[in-house]
Protein backbone atom coordinates (compact mmCIF):
# COMPACT_ATOMS: atom_id res chain seq x y z
CA MET A 1 87.74 135.05 -17.74
CA GLN A 2 84.10 135.04 -16.74
CA ILE A 3 81.72 133.52 -19.31
CA ASP A 4 77.95 133.98 -19.46
CA GLY A 5 77.04 130.71 -21.17
CA PRO A 6 79.46 128.33 -22.93
CA THR A 7 81.73 129.68 -25.65
CA THR A 8 84.60 128.62 -27.89
CA PHE A 9 87.84 130.50 -27.30
CA THR A 10 91.55 130.05 -27.89
CA THR A 11 94.47 131.86 -26.28
CA VAL A 12 98.17 131.56 -27.01
CA GLU A 13 99.22 130.93 -23.39
CA ALA A 14 96.32 128.72 -22.35
CA PRO A 15 94.71 127.07 -25.40
CA SER A 16 91.30 125.57 -24.81
CA THR A 17 88.26 124.61 -26.85
CA VAL A 18 84.74 124.27 -25.47
CA GLY A 19 81.70 123.25 -27.54
CA VAL A 20 78.61 125.49 -27.64
CA ALA A 21 75.11 125.55 -29.03
CA SER A 22 73.67 128.31 -31.22
CA GLY A 23 72.79 131.52 -29.42
CA LYS A 24 74.06 134.81 -28.03
CA TYR A 25 76.89 134.79 -25.47
CA THR A 26 78.89 137.40 -23.57
CA LEU A 27 82.56 136.85 -22.69
CA THR A 28 84.06 139.10 -20.03
CA TYR A 29 87.85 139.28 -19.91
CA LEU A 30 89.42 140.46 -16.65
CA SER A 31 92.80 142.13 -16.44
CA GLY A 32 95.71 139.75 -15.71
CA GLY A 33 94.55 136.84 -17.85
CA PRO A 34 96.58 135.34 -20.71
CA SER A 35 97.14 137.39 -23.83
CA GLY A 36 96.21 136.11 -27.29
CA SER A 37 93.05 136.14 -29.33
CA VAL A 38 89.45 135.19 -28.75
CA VAL A 39 87.92 133.39 -31.72
CA THR A 40 84.34 132.16 -32.23
CA ASN A 41 83.35 129.28 -34.47
CA SER A 42 81.63 131.81 -36.75
CA GLY A 43 84.96 133.54 -37.39
CA LEU A 44 84.60 136.63 -35.17
CA SER A 45 87.85 137.34 -33.30
CA SER A 46 89.39 139.96 -31.05
CA ASN A 47 92.96 140.43 -29.82
CA ILE A 48 93.40 140.86 -26.08
CA ASN A 49 96.28 141.79 -23.80
CA GLN A 50 96.99 140.93 -20.17
CA GLY A 51 96.15 144.49 -19.05
CA ASP A 52 92.81 144.63 -20.83
CA ASN A 53 89.38 144.76 -19.23
CA LEU A 54 86.74 144.16 -21.87
CA SER A 55 83.43 142.49 -22.58
CA LEU A 56 82.67 140.85 -25.94
CA THR A 57 79.31 139.66 -27.21
CA PHE A 58 79.21 136.86 -29.82
CA ILE A 59 76.31 135.33 -31.70
CA PHE A 60 76.88 131.64 -32.63
CA THR A 61 74.88 130.35 -35.57
CA ASN A 62 76.86 127.22 -36.56
CA PRO A 63 77.90 125.21 -33.46
CA PRO A 64 80.89 122.94 -33.97
CA ALA A 65 80.23 119.30 -34.84
CA PRO A 66 80.88 116.42 -32.44
CA PRO A 67 83.08 115.42 -30.74
CA PHE A 68 83.16 119.07 -29.65
CA GLY A 69 79.48 119.74 -29.97
CA ALA A 70 77.03 120.68 -27.28
CA SER A 71 76.17 117.08 -26.33
CA GLY A 72 79.73 116.07 -25.44
CA PRO A 73 81.82 112.86 -25.64
CA PRO A 74 80.77 109.29 -24.77
CA THR A 75 81.21 107.67 -21.37
CA ALA A 76 82.14 104.22 -20.01
CA SER A 77 80.47 103.40 -16.69
CA LYS A 78 79.31 100.51 -14.52
CA ILE A 79 82.48 98.58 -15.25
CA ALA A 80 82.45 95.01 -13.97
CA SER A 81 84.75 91.97 -14.05
CA ASP A 82 84.05 88.22 -13.90
CA ASP A 83 86.95 85.99 -12.83
CA SER A 84 84.83 82.88 -12.19
CA PHE A 85 86.64 80.97 -14.95
CA PHE A 86 90.14 82.19 -14.04
CA CYS A 87 90.94 78.56 -13.24
CA PRO A 88 92.48 77.18 -15.33
CA SER A 89 92.48 79.78 -18.14
CA THR A 90 93.85 82.78 -16.11
CA GLN A 91 91.33 84.87 -18.04
CA VAL A 92 88.82 87.49 -16.90
CA ILE A 93 85.78 89.04 -18.62
CA PHE A 94 85.79 92.85 -18.40
CA SER A 95 82.56 94.67 -19.26
CA TRP A 96 81.18 98.21 -19.17
CA LEU A 97 78.13 100.29 -20.02
CA TYR A 98 78.61 102.53 -23.06
CA SER A 99 76.59 105.70 -23.50
CA ASP A 100 76.83 108.64 -25.88
CA PRO A 101 74.73 111.82 -25.60
CA ASN A 102 74.78 112.22 -29.39
CA GLY A 103 73.50 108.70 -29.95
CA ASP A 104 76.71 107.67 -31.74
CA PRO A 105 77.56 103.97 -31.40
CA GLN A 106 80.79 102.75 -29.86
CA GLY A 107 83.59 102.52 -32.38
CA ALA A 108 86.53 101.45 -30.22
CA PHE A 109 87.73 100.97 -26.67
CA GLU A 110 90.89 100.71 -24.59
CA LEU A 111 91.44 98.87 -21.32
CA GLU A 112 94.19 98.73 -18.69
CA ALA A 113 94.73 96.46 -15.66
CA ASP A 114 97.53 96.95 -13.15
CA ASP A 115 98.48 95.70 -9.68
CA ASN A 116 99.08 99.38 -8.89
CA SER A 117 96.06 101.67 -8.65
CA LEU A 118 98.09 104.46 -10.28
CA PHE A 119 98.48 102.38 -13.47
CA THR A 120 102.20 103.11 -13.62
CA SER A 121 103.04 99.87 -15.44
CA PRO A 122 99.92 97.97 -16.52
CA GLU A 123 100.24 94.18 -16.71
CA LEU A 124 97.36 94.26 -19.16
CA ALA A 125 97.06 96.99 -21.81
CA SER A 126 94.71 96.21 -24.66
CA GLY A 127 95.70 99.17 -26.82
CA VAL A 128 93.02 100.67 -29.04
CA VAL A 129 90.61 97.89 -30.03
CA VAL A 130 88.32 98.84 -32.91
CA SER A 131 85.10 97.14 -31.87
CA SER A 132 81.51 97.77 -30.86
CA ASP A 133 81.77 95.07 -28.16
CA LYS A 134 81.15 96.17 -24.59
CA PHE A 135 83.39 93.46 -23.13
CA TYR A 136 86.97 92.24 -23.35
CA ILE A 137 88.65 88.90 -22.42
CA ASN A 138 92.37 89.02 -21.74
CA ASP A 139 94.85 86.60 -23.30
CA PRO A 140 95.93 83.65 -21.07
CA GLY A 141 99.05 84.18 -18.98
CA LYS A 142 98.73 87.95 -18.65
CA LEU A 143 97.36 87.94 -15.09
CA PHE A 144 98.80 86.13 -12.07
CA PHE A 145 97.47 84.23 -9.07
CA ASN A 146 96.82 85.78 -5.66
CA THR A 147 96.99 89.37 -6.94
CA THR A 148 94.74 92.40 -6.58
CA TYR A 149 94.24 94.08 -9.95
CA TYR A 150 92.84 97.55 -10.62
CA TRP A 151 91.36 98.22 -14.02
CA ARG A 152 89.71 100.93 -16.08
CA ALA A 153 88.36 101.45 -19.58
CA ARG A 154 87.68 104.27 -21.99
CA VAL A 155 85.59 104.29 -25.16
CA ARG A 156 85.53 106.07 -28.49
CA ASP A 157 82.39 106.80 -30.46
CA SER A 158 81.99 106.22 -34.19
CA LYS A 159 82.96 109.84 -34.94
CA GLY A 160 86.26 109.72 -33.09
CA ALA A 161 85.41 111.27 -29.72
CA TRP A 162 87.10 109.58 -26.74
CA SER A 163 85.67 109.37 -23.26
CA ASP A 164 87.73 109.97 -20.15
CA TRP A 165 89.01 106.90 -18.34
CA SER A 166 86.26 105.29 -16.34
CA LEU A 167 86.26 105.00 -12.58
CA THR A 168 88.60 102.27 -11.33
CA ASN A 169 87.33 98.86 -10.32
CA SER A 170 89.29 95.95 -8.82
CA PHE A 171 89.29 92.18 -8.35
CA ILE A 172 91.46 89.57 -6.63
CA THR A 173 92.63 86.49 -8.51
CA PRO A 174 92.54 83.04 -6.80
CA THR A 175 95.57 81.85 -4.82
CA ASP A 176 95.77 78.79 -7.07
CA CYS A 177 93.61 76.40 -9.09
CA ILE A 178 93.78 73.47 -6.70
CA VAL A 179 90.28 72.11 -6.08
CA ALA A 180 89.31 71.14 -2.53
CA ASP A 181 89.23 67.36 -2.21
CA PHE A 182 89.94 64.53 0.22
CA SER A 183 90.69 60.82 0.36
CA LEU A 184 89.34 58.23 2.81
CA ILE A 185 91.92 55.77 4.16
CA SER A 186 91.42 52.61 6.25
CA SER A 187 94.37 51.45 8.36
CA ASN A 188 93.64 47.71 8.07
CA ASP A 189 91.01 45.02 7.45
CA ILE A 190 89.02 43.51 10.32
CA PHE A 191 87.94 40.03 11.49
CA VAL A 192 85.69 38.30 14.01
CA ASN A 193 85.99 34.79 15.51
CA ILE A 194 82.76 32.97 16.42
CA ALA A 195 83.00 29.76 18.44
CA ARG A 196 80.31 27.38 17.24
CA GLU A 197 80.00 23.56 17.04
CA LYS A 198 79.85 21.90 13.63
CA ASN A 199 78.37 18.52 12.75
CA VAL A 200 80.08 15.96 10.59
CA GLU A 201 78.57 17.41 7.40
CA GLU A 202 80.19 20.74 8.33
CA SER A 203 76.83 22.41 8.71
CA VAL A 204 76.60 24.98 11.47
CA VAL A 205 74.75 24.07 14.65
CA ALA A 206 73.68 27.28 16.42
CA PRO A 207 71.59 26.98 19.55
CA ALA A 208 68.47 29.09 19.26
CA ALA A 209 69.29 30.91 22.48
CA HIS A 210 72.56 32.11 21.00
CA ALA A 211 71.27 32.98 17.51
CA GLN A 212 70.62 36.63 18.36
CA GLN A 213 73.81 37.17 20.31
CA LYS A 214 76.53 39.18 18.58
CA GLU A 215 80.27 39.08 18.48
CA ARG A 216 82.43 42.19 18.12
CA SER A 217 85.08 42.39 15.41
CA SER A 218 88.53 43.87 15.56
CA SER A 219 88.71 47.56 14.55
CA THR A 220 90.28 49.76 11.91
CA THR A 221 90.98 53.49 11.91
CA LEU A 222 89.42 55.69 9.21
CA THR A 223 91.40 58.85 8.44
CA ILE A 224 90.96 61.77 6.04
CA VAL A 225 93.74 63.01 3.76
CA PRO A 226 92.71 66.57 2.68
CA THR A 227 93.69 68.74 -0.25
CA LYS A 228 92.57 72.26 0.64
CA PHE A 229 89.58 70.58 2.26
CA THR A 230 88.32 71.68 5.70
CA SER A 231 84.68 70.58 5.95
CA GLN A 232 83.22 68.21 8.54
CA VAL A 233 83.05 64.57 7.38
CA SER A 234 80.39 61.99 8.33
CA PHE A 235 80.78 58.20 8.06
CA THR A 236 78.11 55.70 7.00
CA ILE A 237 77.93 52.15 5.58
CA ASP A 238 77.33 52.12 1.85
CA SER A 239 77.14 48.39 1.03
CA GLY A 240 78.46 44.88 1.70
CA PHE A 241 77.29 44.63 5.28
CA PRO A 242 76.37 41.18 6.72
CA SER A 243 72.67 40.72 7.45
CA GLY A 244 71.78 41.56 11.03
CA ALA A 245 75.15 43.17 11.77
CA SER A 246 75.65 46.58 13.42
CA ALA A 247 78.27 49.20 12.52
CA PHE A 248 80.03 51.50 14.96
CA PHE A 249 82.02 54.68 14.25
CA ASN A 250 83.81 56.43 17.10
CA PRO A 251 83.21 59.27 16.41
CA GLN A 252 80.71 59.23 13.57
CA LYS A 253 81.70 62.78 12.48
CA ILE A 254 85.11 64.45 12.50
CA ASN A 255 86.28 68.01 11.87
CA SER A 256 89.47 69.09 10.13
CA SER A 257 91.40 69.19 13.41
CA ALA A 258 90.87 65.40 13.79
CA TYR A 259 91.41 64.27 10.19
CA ASP A 260 94.69 62.51 11.06
CA ILE A 261 93.33 61.07 14.31
CA GLY A 262 90.37 59.62 12.47
CA SER A 263 87.46 57.47 13.57
CA GLU A 264 87.58 53.93 14.98
CA PHE A 265 85.36 51.52 13.03
CA TYR A 266 84.22 48.03 14.04
CA VAL A 267 81.17 45.80 13.65
CA GLU A 268 79.11 43.40 15.71
CA VAL A 269 77.75 40.40 13.84
CA PRO A 270 75.12 37.79 14.86
CA ARG A 271 76.54 34.46 16.06
CA ASP A 272 74.57 32.69 13.30
CA VAL A 273 76.20 34.76 10.52
CA ALA A 274 77.61 32.78 7.60
CA GLU A 275 81.35 32.23 7.58
CA GLY A 276 83.24 34.09 4.86
CA ILE A 277 84.80 37.37 3.78
CA TYR A 278 82.59 40.44 3.42
CA THR A 279 83.61 43.57 1.53
CA ILE A 280 82.20 46.51 3.47
CA THR A 281 82.12 49.85 1.60
CA ILE A 282 82.33 52.82 3.96
CA LYS A 283 81.19 56.22 2.76
CA ALA A 284 82.61 59.56 3.91
CA ASP A 285 80.41 62.58 3.14
CA GLY A 286 81.44 66.23 3.59
CA GLY A 287 81.63 69.58 1.82
CA GLY A 288 79.47 68.33 -1.04
CA LEU A 289 81.95 65.50 -1.75
CA VAL A 290 81.55 61.75 -1.20
CA ARG A 291 84.53 59.39 -1.00
CA THR A 292 84.54 55.65 -0.22
CA ALA A 293 86.92 52.98 1.09
CA ASN A 294 86.58 49.20 1.30
CA VAL A 295 87.24 47.24 4.48
CA LEU A 296 87.35 43.42 4.39
CA LEU A 297 85.53 41.68 7.24
CA SER A 298 86.60 38.05 7.76
CA VAL A 299 84.06 35.97 9.70
CA ILE A 300 85.81 32.88 11.11
CA ILE A 301 83.81 30.04 12.67
CA THR A 302 85.69 27.85 15.18
CA ASP A 303 84.62 24.64 16.94
CA PRO A 304 85.11 24.86 20.70
CA ARG A 305 85.47 21.05 20.89
CA PHE A 306 88.88 21.31 19.30
CA LYS A 307 91.51 23.07 21.33
CA GLU A 308 95.18 23.47 20.84
CA PHE A 309 97.52 22.27 23.59
């Protein structure tokens, strides 16, 4: 059939209905088409046969009401998904833009999500939800980790007209909900022996020439234990350091390939440092995270006048 302008027609072998506006239209039927009857919304009809060649002119004065009116059905477009809170809820926000050429508000919607783009067996099927909302949040446990999901939506206006399914969109769920983190471990505490004479009152006698000299401590190894963490880590002293002492990290920064090898840490303290135990807090900074570990430094003063034999 060739139609000059839209029309409403029905045939027995190929039923179809198309909305029209008021006006005058010509329908031309070519031989070989389906047999049946042509009917206008104003009631005018004509029987046709497959061998016919005819041209019919109809005047439409009362166009059919929506959803089969001239303006057409609603549409769902610009569909979008937000899976930023999938951990730990396993939920996603689905949203779309609703529009209707007749100005009718949304009355319902339906949504499907499947790991197959053909939607052969949707993991998520909302069914018809009577709502004016332009978004949908799935129930927990319906979607799985490390999966690509395809989804689509369709909408129904307040007068019952359904849209076609929207274009398909997709998203990938996280592999898991484990948060990247790390721990800082020290292999052992450290100490330093300083040979210095003491008087009978046990006060320290430190020659002025030796006051600024420093003694090196034993060392400890600082290692990183990661949990999905791969950033570079830098080491610094946070607190508890003896006055005038110097800290050494070898190296001061390590990458993920050297986490288990770690960094050697030791200190050099002035020879006039007070004897005692110092709690040194070491800070490891990387990937926006800061972790600390305590290392005990024992400063031991010995008197060279007393020797063991």
